[in-house]
Amino acid sequence: MNILEKFISIFKNCIIIISGYEKLHLSKYADQLATDFNFELIEFKYPDFESLNKKIKDLHENNNKNGVIIYGLTFPTDNLEFKANFHISLSANKTLVDDENEFNIYNNNVKQNFINKFKNVKVTDYNDELYDDIFNTVIEYIMKKVYGENFEKAQQKYIEDTESESADKQIESVKDEEDDTNDLSESSVSSESSGGSYKRNIVKGTRRILKKAPKKTSKKTSKKGSRKGSMKGGNERKKTSKPKKLKRVIGTRLLMNVIKV
């Protein structure tokens, strides 16, 4: 059971909303996230709340186990007959959007939305780095809900700087050799963004995040004596070290194969 399946088994469903302007490639970000998560993708055309509510109701009645990604301009909660697990919104200034009607609808309704995270978009071009940020934000939320108070410990287990550095070196090696093959491996992925080419931060250890769910653990009591004393120094170092920030989980084109049931 992977982390997404575990989340659904605990909370019965997983509904992720992505709101914002289509000019910012909203549908593309949503489609890529749905593909990577193996979730169903639903487009919401404002203000057709009746159709949206019916689709979600039908999924519940059919015991949908794969989760849902919904995207659209805005989602006032008073019009929704379901509760989303997480809502991320792509906002931008009026000049960038260049659609006064859409801009007014979004801004007039934004306070009626329950939004967990805003992403302020500065360019209209599709951006891989922004997608990485969206992906990480959702995965971090799911991990926190599943692992609870053990979240930071789970991060430290899966995210290793040495693996990331090793992956970056292998990417440089592939670039130098000018390998034209399309074979994407765990340790070498590159992408094009609106600002030119950049190297993804690949963390091989995080592949396990989507493979494994946390196991039940029993609390261990430390014994008195020399053993407790010998472990003290190590425990103190853990307390003083800062938790590592969740990094990009490996290339999304690989994740499809990882998280399929």
Protein backbone atom coordinates (compact mmCIF):
# COMPACT_ATOMS: atom_id res chain seq x y z
CA MET A 1 0.00 0.00 0.00
CA ASN A 2 1.48 3.33 -1.04
CA ILE A 3 1.11 6.64 0.80
CA LEU A 4 -1.84 7.79 -1.34
CA GLU A 5 -3.73 4.53 -0.84
CA LYS A 6 -3.03 4.76 2.89
CA PHE A 7 -4.44 8.30 2.99
CA ILE A 8 -7.63 7.19 1.24
CA SER A 9 -7.99 4.17 3.53
CA ILE A 10 -7.82 6.48 6.57
CA PHE A 11 -9.90 9.44 5.33
CA LYS A 12 -12.16 7.51 2.90
CA ASN A 13 -11.39 9.80 -0.04
CA CYS A 14 -8.86 12.27 -1.39
CA ILE A 15 -10.22 15.32 -3.18
CA ILE A 16 -7.67 17.89 -4.31
CA ILE A 17 -8.85 21.21 -5.78
CA ILE A 18 -6.66 23.42 -7.97
CA SER A 19 -8.24 26.79 -8.70
CA GLY A 20 -7.10 29.76 -10.74
CA TYR A 21 -6.86 31.07 -14.28
CA GLU A 22 -6.65 28.86 -17.35
CA LYS A 23 -4.27 31.36 -18.94
CA LEU A 24 -1.74 30.20 -16.33
CA HIS A 25 -2.04 26.62 -17.69
CA LEU A 26 -4.26 25.52 -14.82
CA SER A 27 -5.56 22.49 -16.74
CA LYS A 28 -2.05 21.30 -17.58
CA TYR A 29 -0.88 21.45 -13.96
CA ALA A 30 -4.02 19.63 -12.84
CA ASP A 31 -3.72 16.99 -15.55
CA GLN A 32 -0.09 16.27 -14.71
CA LEU A 33 -0.89 15.96 -10.99
CA ALA A 34 -3.80 13.61 -11.72
CA THR A 35 -1.55 11.49 -13.93
CA ASP A 36 1.21 11.29 -11.34
CA PHE A 37 -1.23 10.40 -8.56
CA ASN A 38 -3.33 8.10 -10.75
CA PHE A 39 -6.37 10.15 -9.68
CA GLU A 40 -9.48 10.97 -11.68
CA LEU A 41 -9.44 14.43 -13.29
CA ILE A 42 -12.56 16.62 -13.27
CA GLU A 43 -12.93 20.00 -14.94
CA PHE A 44 -15.29 22.44 -13.22
CA LYS A 45 -16.82 25.07 -15.44
CA TYR A 46 -17.96 27.92 -13.21
CA PRO A 47 -20.77 28.33 -12.20
CA ASP A 48 -22.13 24.83 -13.01
CA PHE A 49 -22.07 23.57 -9.42
CA GLU A 50 -24.93 21.14 -10.03
CA SER A 51 -22.88 19.04 -12.46
CA LEU A 52 -19.81 19.11 -10.22
CA ASN A 53 -21.71 18.06 -7.10
CA LYS A 54 -23.39 15.24 -9.01
CA LYS A 55 -20.06 13.90 -10.30
CA ILE A 56 -18.57 13.80 -6.80
CA LYS A 57 -21.71 12.21 -5.39
CA ASP A 58 -21.61 9.50 -8.07
CA LEU A 59 -17.97 8.78 -7.28
CA HIS A 60 -18.78 8.35 -3.59
CA GLU A 61 -21.70 6.07 -4.36
CA ASN A 62 -19.45 3.95 -6.58
CA ASN A 63 -16.84 3.76 -3.82
CA ASN A 64 -14.13 5.45 -5.85
CA LYS A 65 -10.73 4.45 -4.46
CA ASN A 66 -8.41 6.48 -6.65
CA GLY A 67 -8.99 10.02 -5.48
CA VAL A 68 -9.93 13.09 -7.51
CA ILE A 69 -8.22 16.21 -8.86
CA ILE A 70 -10.71 19.02 -9.62
CA TYR A 71 -9.67 22.19 -11.41
CA GLY A 72 -11.52 25.39 -12.25
CA LEU A 73 -11.67 29.14 -11.76
CA THR A 74 -13.11 29.34 -8.25
CA PHE A 75 -14.87 27.12 -5.68
CA PRO A 76 -17.07 29.00 -3.17
CA THR A 77 -17.65 26.51 -0.36
CA ASP A 78 -21.34 27.43 0.11
CA ASN A 79 -22.03 26.00 -3.36
CA LEU A 80 -20.18 22.72 -2.79
CA GLU A 81 -21.97 19.66 -1.46
CA PHE A 82 -18.71 17.95 -0.59
CA LYS A 83 -15.60 18.78 1.38
CA ALA A 84 -12.23 18.84 -0.34
CA ASN A 85 -9.18 17.55 1.48
CA PHE A 86 -6.84 20.18 0.07
CA HIS A 87 -7.27 23.31 -2.05
CA ILE A 88 -4.35 25.02 -3.78
CA SER A 89 -4.94 28.20 -5.79
CA LEU A 90 -2.90 29.87 -8.54
CA SER A 91 -3.28 33.63 -8.26
CA ALA A 92 -1.90 36.43 -10.46
CA ASN A 93 -2.27 40.15 -11.08
CA LYS A 94 -4.81 41.61 -13.49
CA THR A 95 -2.24 42.51 -16.16
CA LEU A 96 -0.95 38.95 -16.33
CA VAL A 97 -4.41 37.39 -16.51
CA ASP A 98 -5.57 39.82 -19.19
CA ASP A 99 -9.21 38.78 -18.76
CA GLU A 100 -11.20 41.27 -16.72
CA ASN A 101 -14.26 39.04 -16.40
CA GLU A 102 -12.32 36.04 -15.08
CA PHE A 103 -10.21 38.25 -12.83
CA ASN A 104 -13.32 39.79 -11.24
CA ILE A 105 -15.04 36.42 -10.75
CA TYR A 106 -11.96 34.96 -9.06
CA ASN A 107 -11.35 37.94 -6.78
CA ASN A 108 -15.01 38.47 -5.88
CA ASN A 109 -15.26 34.85 -4.75
CA VAL A 110 -11.83 34.25 -3.26
CA LYS A 111 -12.96 35.00 0.30
CA GLN A 112 -15.78 32.47 -0.05
CA ASN A 113 -13.24 29.75 -0.96
CA PHE A 114 -11.51 27.65 1.68
CA ILE A 115 -7.96 27.67 0.31
CA ASN A 116 -5.09 25.90 2.04
CA LYS A 117 -2.30 27.34 -0.09
CA PHE A 118 -1.89 30.20 -2.58
CA LYS A 119 0.74 30.19 -5.30
CA ASN A 120 1.38 33.63 -6.79
CA VAL A 121 2.22 33.08 -10.47
CA LYS A 122 4.43 35.68 -12.14
CA VAL A 123 4.61 34.34 -15.72
CA THR A 124 1.99 32.91 -18.08
CA ASP A 125 4.26 30.23 -19.54
CA TYR A 126 3.99 26.69 -18.21
CA ASN A 127 6.71 26.23 -15.62
CA ASP A 128 8.10 22.88 -14.46
CA GLU A 129 9.42 24.45 -11.28
CA LEU A 130 5.94 25.67 -10.36
CA TYR A 131 4.57 22.20 -10.95
CA ASP A 132 7.30 20.79 -8.70
CA ASP A 133 6.15 23.23 -6.03
CA ILE A 134 2.49 22.23 -6.45
CA PHE A 135 3.39 18.54 -6.32
CA ASN A 136 5.53 18.95 -3.20
CA THR A 137 2.88 21.01 -1.43
CA VAL A 138 0.23 18.33 -1.92
CA ILE A 139 2.57 15.44 -1.05
CA GLU A 140 3.70 17.25 2.10
CA TYR A 141 0.10 17.70 3.18
CA ILE A 142 -0.66 14.00 2.59
CA MET A 143 2.45 12.92 4.49
CA LYS A 144 1.58 15.14 7.45
CA LYS A 145 -1.93 13.73 7.65
CA VAL A 146 -0.75 10.11 7.43
CA TYR A 147 2.34 10.30 9.63
CA GLY A 148 1.03 12.86 12.12
CA GLU A 149 3.57 13.63 14.84
CA ASN A 150 6.07 11.31 13.12
CA PHE A 151 6.13 13.47 9.97
CA GLU A 152 9.59 14.96 10.51
CA LYS A 153 11.01 11.53 11.31
CA ALA A 154 9.48 10.19 8.09
CA GLN A 155 11.09 13.01 6.11
CA GLN A 156 14.51 12.29 7.53
CA LYS A 157 14.10 8.61 6.67
CA TYR A 158 13.19 9.16 3.03
CA ILE A 159 15.00 12.33 2.05
CA GLU A 160 18.76 12.02 1.96
CA ASP A 161 21.12 14.77 0.86
CA THR A 162 23.75 12.28 -0.26
CA GLU A 163 21.34 10.70 -2.74
CA SER A 164 20.36 14.10 -4.08
CA GLU A 165 23.98 15.14 -4.57
CA SER A 166 24.77 11.83 -6.25
CA ALA A 167 21.82 12.26 -8.60
CA ASP A 168 22.92 15.79 -9.55
CA LYS A 169 26.41 14.53 -10.43
CA GLN A 170 24.95 11.80 -12.63
CA ILE A 171 22.80 14.38 -14.41
CA GLU A 172 25.91 16.42 -15.18
CA SER A 173 27.60 13.31 -16.51
CA VAL A 174 24.67 12.55 -18.80
CA LYS A 175 24.66 16.13 -20.04
CA ASP A 176 28.38 16.05 -20.83
CA GLU A 177 28.02 12.85 -22.81
CA GLU A 178 25.11 14.40 -24.76
CA ASP A 179 23.07 11.26 -24.48
CA ASP A 180 20.10 11.61 -26.83
CA THR A 181 18.18 8.63 -25.51
CA ASN A 182 14.76 9.14 -23.97
CA ASP A 183 15.31 6.52 -21.28
CA LEU A 184 14.54 8.21 -17.97
CA SER A 185 16.18 6.62 -14.97
CA GLU A 186 15.82 7.29 -11.25
CA SER A 187 19.08 9.17 -11.22
CA SER A 188 18.88 11.34 -14.35
CA VAL A 189 16.02 13.58 -15.37
CA SER A 190 16.14 17.03 -16.97
CA SER A 191 13.42 19.40 -18.06
CA GLU A 192 12.80 22.63 -19.92
CA SER A 193 11.15 25.56 -18.18
CA SER A 194 10.17 28.97 -19.42
CA GLY A 195 13.49 30.37 -18.26
CA GLY A 196 15.59 27.78 -20.08
CA SER A 197 16.93 24.39 -19.05
CA TYR A 198 17.46 23.47 -15.41
CA LYS A 199 18.35 20.36 -13.47
CA ARG A 200 15.70 18.76 -11.30
CA ASN A 201 16.57 18.03 -7.70
CA ILE A 202 16.04 14.29 -7.68
CA VAL A 203 15.86 12.44 -4.41
CA LYS A 204 15.83 8.73 -5.02
CA GLY A 205 14.82 7.96 -1.46
CA THR A 206 11.50 9.72 -1.88
CA ARG A 207 10.35 7.11 -4.39
CA ARG A 208 9.64 5.03 -1.29
CA ILE A 209 7.19 7.64 -0.03
CA LEU A 210 4.71 6.56 -2.66
CA LYS A 211 5.54 2.87 -2.24
CA LYS A 212 5.18 2.42 1.47
CA ALA A 213 2.75 3.52 4.11
CA PRO A 214 3.83 3.92 7.74
CA LYS A 215 3.80 0.77 9.81
CA LYS A 216 2.43 0.59 13.31
CA THR A 217 5.22 1.10 15.78
CA SER A 218 5.33 0.32 19.47
CA LYS A 219 6.89 2.75 21.91
CA LYS A 220 10.22 1.58 23.27
CA THR A 221 11.25 2.39 26.80
CA SER A 222 14.93 3.02 27.42
CA LYS A 223 16.68 0.91 30.01
CA LYS A 224 18.63 2.43 32.83
CA GLY A 225 22.37 2.04 32.74
CA SER A 226 25.30 2.45 30.39
CA ARG A 227 23.25 1.87 27.22
CA LYS A 228 21.04 4.88 27.93
CA GLY A 229 24.12 6.96 28.55
CA SER A 230 25.75 5.87 25.31
CA MET A 231 22.68 6.86 23.29
CA LYS A 232 22.32 10.28 24.89
CA GLY A 233 24.79 12.06 22.64
CA GLY A 234 23.12 10.81 19.47
CA ASN A 235 19.67 11.86 20.67
CA GLU A 236 20.89 15.35 21.48
CA ARG A 237 22.28 15.77 17.97
CA LYS A 238 18.93 14.80 16.49
CA LYS A 239 17.12 17.39 18.57
CA THR A 240 19.41 20.21 17.48
CA SER A 241 19.36 19.35 13.77
CA LYS A 242 16.82 21.17 11.63
CA PRO A 243 14.20 19.06 9.83
CA LYS A 244 14.93 18.76 6.14
CA LYS A 245 12.56 20.44 3.76
CA LEU A 246 10.59 18.13 1.49
CA LYS A 247 12.18 18.11 -1.94
CA ARG A 248 10.85 17.24 -5.34
CA VAL A 249 9.90 13.59 -5.60
CA ILE A 250 11.59 12.01 -8.62
CA GLY A 251 10.59 12.84 -12.20
CA THR A 252 6.83 12.74 -12.52
CA ARG A 253 6.94 10.59 -15.63
CA LEU A 254 8.36 7.84 -13.44
CA LEU A 255 5.80 8.23 -10.68
CA MET A 256 2.98 6.84 -12.79
CA ASN A 257 4.56 3.41 -12.59
CA VAL A 258 5.34 3.75 -8.91
CA ILE A 259 1.91 4.53 -7.56
CA LYS A 260 -0.37 2.47 -9.79
CA VAL A 261 -2.41 -0.03 -7.85
